[in-house]
Amino acid sequence: RVRLGNEVPISFDESWFPTDVGDRVAQENLAEDPFYAILEDKYDIALAGADFVVRATSADDRIAGHLQIEPGRPVLRLTRLSRRKPDGRPLIFEFLHYAG
């Protein structure tokens, strides 16, 4: 997903789900509905929390293309692992890249 602020790309997000959940989420209108809301409201899958790692890095060609910046420009990269209630099983693994 590419997120916009004032019509300018500010974030490029990559998300992975277990196959049984991802296949269903892929059928949803993700341009209109955030997948966290779909999981909780439509599929009744509650989230228990997430683990984050934040680091500075540079944009490779692919990330730079999505963010419409020059390759090599600095970006913040968040790695997030969201867990499901009640057992804490991993549910979503994500890389989120933010342009400076």
N, C-alpha and C. Protein backbone atom coordinates (compact mmCIF):
# COMPACT_ATOMS: atom_id res chain seq x y z
N ARG A 1 0.84 -1.19 0.00
CA ARG A 1 0.00 0.00 0.00
C ARG A 1 0.88 1.23 0.00
N VAL A 2 0.44 2.24 -0.72
CA VAL A 2 1.08 3.55 -0.68
C VAL A 2 0.10 4.50 -0.01
N ARG A 3 0.55 5.14 1.04
CA ARG A 3 -0.30 6.12 1.74
C ARG A 3 0.11 7.51 1.31
N LEU A 4 -0.91 8.36 1.15
CA LEU A 4 -0.69 9.71 0.65
C LEU A 4 -0.98 10.75 1.73
N GLY A 5 -0.24 11.85 1.67
CA GLY A 5 -0.51 13.04 2.47
C GLY A 5 -0.50 14.21 1.53
N ASN A 6 -1.63 14.91 1.40
CA ASN A 6 -1.75 15.99 0.42
C ASN A 6 -1.39 15.52 -0.98
N GLU A 7 -1.85 14.29 -1.31
CA GLU A 7 -1.64 13.69 -2.63
C GLU A 7 -0.19 13.33 -2.93
N VAL A 8 0.68 13.33 -1.91
CA VAL A 8 2.08 12.98 -2.07
C VAL A 8 2.35 11.69 -1.30
N PRO A 9 3.03 10.70 -1.91
CA PRO A 9 3.33 9.47 -1.19
C PRO A 9 4.21 9.76 0.05
N ILE A 10 3.75 9.29 1.20
CA ILE A 10 4.53 9.46 2.43
C ILE A 10 4.91 8.11 3.05
N SER A 11 4.22 7.05 2.64
CA SER A 11 4.49 5.76 3.23
C SER A 11 4.24 4.66 2.20
N PHE A 12 5.12 3.66 2.20
CA PHE A 12 4.94 2.46 1.40
C PHE A 12 4.95 1.29 2.37
N ASP A 13 3.85 0.55 2.43
CA ASP A 13 3.67 -0.52 3.41
C ASP A 13 3.55 -1.87 2.70
N GLU A 14 4.27 -2.86 3.22
CA GLU A 14 4.18 -4.24 2.73
C GLU A 14 3.70 -5.09 3.91
N SER A 15 2.66 -5.88 3.68
CA SER A 15 2.06 -6.67 4.77
C SER A 15 1.89 -8.12 4.34
N TRP A 16 2.19 -9.04 5.26
CA TRP A 16 2.02 -10.47 5.02
C TRP A 16 1.14 -11.05 6.12
N PHE A 17 0.23 -11.94 5.70
CA PHE A 17 -0.72 -12.60 6.59
C PHE A 17 -0.56 -14.12 6.45
N PRO A 18 -1.02 -14.88 7.46
CA PRO A 18 -1.16 -16.32 7.22
C PRO A 18 -2.12 -16.52 6.04
N THR A 19 -1.92 -17.56 5.28
CA THR A 19 -2.68 -17.77 4.05
C THR A 19 -4.18 -17.74 4.27
N ASP A 20 -4.68 -18.39 5.32
CA ASP A 20 -6.13 -18.45 5.52
C ASP A 20 -6.73 -17.06 5.74
N VAL A 21 -6.01 -16.16 6.38
CA VAL A 21 -6.48 -14.79 6.61
C VAL A 21 -6.18 -13.93 5.38
N GLY A 22 -4.99 -14.04 4.83
CA GLY A 22 -4.59 -13.22 3.69
C GLY A 22 -5.47 -13.43 2.47
N ASP A 23 -5.88 -14.66 2.21
CA ASP A 23 -6.75 -14.93 1.07
C ASP A 23 -8.07 -14.19 1.20
N ARG A 24 -8.60 -14.11 2.41
CA ARG A 24 -9.87 -13.39 2.64
C ARG A 24 -9.66 -11.89 2.54
N VAL A 25 -8.60 -11.38 3.17
CA VAL A 25 -8.34 -9.94 3.17
C VAL A 25 -8.10 -9.44 1.74
N ALA A 26 -7.45 -10.24 0.93
CA ALA A 26 -7.16 -9.84 -0.46
C ALA A 26 -8.43 -9.63 -1.28
N GLN A 27 -9.54 -10.19 -0.86
CA GLN A 27 -10.81 -10.04 -1.57
C GLN A 27 -11.57 -8.77 -1.17
N GLU A 28 -11.08 -8.08 -0.14
CA GLU A 28 -11.76 -6.90 0.39
C GLU A 28 -11.37 -5.64 -0.39
N ASN A 29 -12.14 -4.58 -0.21
CA ASN A 29 -11.85 -3.29 -0.82
C ASN A 29 -10.89 -2.53 0.10
N LEU A 30 -9.61 -2.78 -0.07
CA LEU A 30 -8.61 -2.18 0.82
C LEU A 30 -8.37 -0.70 0.53
N ALA A 31 -8.86 -0.22 -0.60
CA ALA A 31 -8.76 1.22 -0.88
C ALA A 31 -9.74 2.00 0.01
N GLU A 32 -10.79 1.33 0.45
CA GLU A 32 -11.82 1.99 1.27
C GLU A 32 -11.73 1.61 2.74
N ASP A 33 -11.39 0.36 3.02
CA ASP A 33 -11.43 -0.15 4.40
C ASP A 33 -10.06 -0.59 4.86
N PRO A 34 -9.57 -0.07 6.00
CA PRO A 34 -8.28 -0.53 6.53
C PRO A 34 -8.37 -2.00 6.95
N PHE A 35 -7.31 -2.76 6.67
CA PHE A 35 -7.42 -4.18 6.97
C PHE A 35 -7.50 -4.47 8.46
N TYR A 36 -6.99 -3.58 9.32
CA TYR A 36 -7.15 -3.80 10.76
C TYR A 36 -8.63 -3.76 11.14
N ALA A 37 -9.39 -2.83 10.56
CA ALA A 37 -10.82 -2.74 10.83
C ALA A 37 -11.54 -3.97 10.27
N ILE A 38 -11.14 -4.42 9.09
CA ILE A 38 -11.75 -5.62 8.50
C ILE A 38 -11.52 -6.82 9.40
N LEU A 39 -10.29 -6.97 9.88
CA LEU A 39 -9.99 -8.12 10.75
C LEU A 39 -10.84 -8.10 12.01
N GLU A 40 -10.90 -6.94 12.67
CA GLU A 40 -11.61 -6.86 13.94
C GLU A 40 -13.12 -6.81 13.77
N ASP A 41 -13.62 -6.02 12.84
CA ASP A 41 -15.06 -5.81 12.72
C ASP A 41 -15.77 -6.88 11.89
N LYS A 42 -15.16 -7.28 10.79
CA LYS A 42 -15.82 -8.22 9.88
C LYS A 42 -15.50 -9.68 10.21
N TYR A 43 -14.22 -9.94 10.56
CA TYR A 43 -13.81 -11.33 10.81
C TYR A 43 -13.73 -11.68 12.28
N ASP A 44 -13.98 -10.70 13.14
CA ASP A 44 -13.95 -10.91 14.60
C ASP A 44 -12.60 -11.48 15.07
N ILE A 45 -11.52 -10.96 14.48
CA ILE A 45 -10.17 -11.34 14.88
C ILE A 45 -9.60 -10.17 15.68
N ALA A 46 -9.44 -10.37 16.97
CA ALA A 46 -8.94 -9.31 17.85
C ALA A 46 -7.41 -9.33 17.87
N LEU A 47 -6.84 -8.14 17.96
CA LEU A 47 -5.39 -8.01 18.02
C LEU A 47 -4.93 -7.82 19.46
N ALA A 48 -3.84 -8.49 19.80
CA ALA A 48 -3.31 -8.44 21.16
C ALA A 48 -2.24 -7.38 21.33
N GLY A 49 -1.68 -6.90 20.25
CA GLY A 49 -0.58 -5.94 20.32
C GLY A 49 0.42 -6.24 19.23
N ALA A 50 1.53 -5.49 19.27
CA ALA A 50 2.53 -5.64 18.21
C ALA A 50 3.92 -5.35 18.75
N ASP A 51 4.91 -5.93 18.09
CA ASP A 51 6.32 -5.65 18.37
C ASP A 51 6.83 -4.80 17.21
N PHE A 52 7.59 -3.74 17.55
CA PHE A 52 8.11 -2.80 16.55
C PHE A 52 9.62 -2.73 16.61
N VAL A 53 10.23 -2.55 15.46
CA VAL A 53 11.63 -2.17 15.35
C VAL A 53 11.67 -1.00 14.38
N VAL A 54 12.32 0.10 14.76
CA VAL A 54 12.42 1.28 13.91
C VAL A 54 13.89 1.51 13.60
N ARG A 55 14.18 1.76 12.33
CA ARG A 55 15.56 2.07 11.96
C ARG A 55 15.57 2.98 10.74
N ALA A 56 16.64 3.70 10.61
CA ALA A 56 16.86 4.54 9.43
C ALA A 56 17.59 3.69 8.39
N THR A 57 17.22 3.88 7.14
CA THR A 57 17.86 3.16 6.05
C THR A 57 17.76 4.03 4.79
N SER A 58 18.19 3.50 3.69
CA SER A 58 18.05 4.25 2.43
C SER A 58 17.10 3.49 1.52
N ALA A 59 16.44 4.23 0.66
CA ALA A 59 15.44 3.64 -0.24
C ALA A 59 16.12 2.94 -1.41
N ASP A 60 15.78 1.68 -1.61
CA ASP A 60 16.25 1.00 -2.82
C ASP A 60 15.37 1.46 -4.00
N ASP A 61 15.65 0.96 -5.18
CA ASP A 61 14.92 1.40 -6.37
C ASP A 61 13.41 1.18 -6.25
N ARG A 62 13.01 0.03 -5.72
CA ARG A 62 11.59 -0.30 -5.63
C ARG A 62 10.87 0.62 -4.65
N ILE A 63 11.43 0.79 -3.46
CA ILE A 63 10.82 1.66 -2.45
C ILE A 63 10.81 3.10 -2.93
N ALA A 64 11.92 3.55 -3.51
CA ALA A 64 12.00 4.91 -4.04
C ALA A 64 10.93 5.15 -5.10
N GLY A 65 10.70 4.17 -5.95
CA GLY A 65 9.67 4.30 -6.97
C GLY A 65 8.29 4.50 -6.37
N HIS A 66 7.95 3.73 -5.34
CA HIS A 66 6.65 3.86 -4.70
C HIS A 66 6.50 5.19 -3.97
N LEU A 67 7.59 5.66 -3.38
CA LEU A 67 7.54 6.92 -2.62
C LEU A 67 7.85 8.14 -3.48
N GLN A 68 8.16 7.91 -4.74
CA GLN A 68 8.48 8.98 -5.69
C GLN A 68 9.63 9.86 -5.18
N ILE A 69 10.69 9.18 -4.73
CA ILE A 69 11.91 9.85 -4.29
C ILE A 69 13.09 9.22 -5.04
N GLU A 70 14.24 9.83 -4.93
CA GLU A 70 15.44 9.29 -5.57
C GLU A 70 15.94 8.07 -4.79
N PRO A 71 16.40 7.02 -5.50
CA PRO A 71 17.03 5.90 -4.80
C PRO A 71 18.19 6.39 -3.94
N GLY A 72 18.33 5.79 -2.78
CA GLY A 72 19.39 6.17 -1.86
C GLY A 72 18.98 7.22 -0.85
N ARG A 73 17.82 7.85 -1.05
CA ARG A 73 17.34 8.85 -0.09
C ARG A 73 17.01 8.16 1.24
N PRO A 74 17.15 8.88 2.36
CA PRO A 74 16.86 8.27 3.66
C PRO A 74 15.36 8.04 3.85
N VAL A 75 15.04 6.92 4.48
CA VAL A 75 13.68 6.58 4.88
C VAL A 75 13.72 5.95 6.26
N LEU A 76 12.62 6.06 6.98
CA LEU A 76 12.45 5.29 8.20
C LEU A 76 11.78 3.99 7.84
N ARG A 77 12.28 2.89 8.40
CA ARG A 77 11.69 1.58 8.14
C ARG A 77 11.23 0.99 9.46
N LEU A 78 9.93 0.76 9.57
CA LEU A 78 9.38 0.09 10.73
C LEU A 78 9.13 -1.36 10.37
N THR A 79 9.55 -2.25 11.22
CA THR A 79 9.21 -3.66 11.10
C THR A 79 8.22 -3.93 12.22
N ARG A 80 7.04 -4.45 11.86
CA ARG A 80 5.99 -4.66 12.86
C ARG A 80 5.46 -6.08 12.76
N LEU A 81 5.34 -6.73 13.91
CA LEU A 81 4.72 -8.04 14.00
C LEU A 81 3.52 -7.91 14.92
N SER A 82 2.32 -7.99 14.34
CA SER A 82 1.09 -7.88 15.13
C SER A 82 0.65 -9.28 15.54
N ARG A 83 0.14 -9.37 16.76
CA ARG A 83 -0.27 -10.66 17.32
C ARG A 83 -1.77 -10.68 17.58
N ARG A 84 -2.29 -11.87 17.60
CA ARG A 84 -3.72 -12.08 17.73
C ARG A 84 -4.08 -12.48 19.15
N LYS A 85 -5.26 -12.04 19.60
CA LYS A 85 -5.80 -12.47 20.89
C LYS A 85 -6.49 -13.81 20.69
N PRO A 86 -6.60 -14.65 21.63
CA PRO A 86 -6.06 -14.54 22.99
C PRO A 86 -4.70 -15.19 23.15
N ASP A 87 -4.22 -15.86 22.10
CA ASP A 87 -3.02 -16.70 22.25
C ASP A 87 -1.71 -16.02 21.85
N GLY A 88 -1.77 -14.81 21.28
CA GLY A 88 -0.55 -14.11 20.90
C GLY A 88 0.12 -14.63 19.65
N ARG A 89 -0.59 -15.46 18.89
CA ARG A 89 -0.01 -15.97 17.64
C ARG A 89 0.25 -14.84 16.67
N PRO A 90 1.35 -14.89 15.89
CA PRO A 90 1.59 -13.86 14.87
C PRO A 90 0.44 -13.83 13.86
N LEU A 91 0.05 -12.61 13.49
CA LEU A 91 -1.05 -12.45 12.54
C LEU A 91 -0.63 -11.64 11.31
N ILE A 92 0.14 -10.57 11.51
CA ILE A 92 0.54 -9.72 10.40
C ILE A 92 2.02 -9.35 10.58
N PHE A 93 2.80 -9.55 9.53
CA PHE A 93 4.18 -9.10 9.52
C PHE A 93 4.26 -7.99 8.48
N GLU A 94 4.89 -6.84 8.85
CA GLU A 94 4.89 -5.70 7.94
C GLU A 94 6.24 -4.98 7.93
N PHE A 95 6.54 -4.42 6.77
CA PHE A 95 7.58 -3.41 6.61
C PHE A 95 6.85 -2.13 6.22
N LEU A 96 7.10 -1.05 6.94
CA LEU A 96 6.51 0.25 6.63
C LEU A 96 7.65 1.22 6.38
N HIS A 97 7.66 1.84 5.21
CA HIS A 97 8.73 2.76 4.83
C HIS A 97 8.17 4.17 4.75
N TYR A 98 8.78 5.10 5.46
CA TYR A 98 8.33 6.49 5.49
C TYR A 98 9.38 7.42 4.89
N ALA A 99 8.95 8.23 3.94
CA ALA A 99 9.85 9.21 3.34
C ALA A 99 10.07 10.36 4.33
N GLY A 100 11.26 10.95 4.27
CA GLY A 100 11.58 12.06 5.18
C GLY A 100 10.94 13.35 4.73
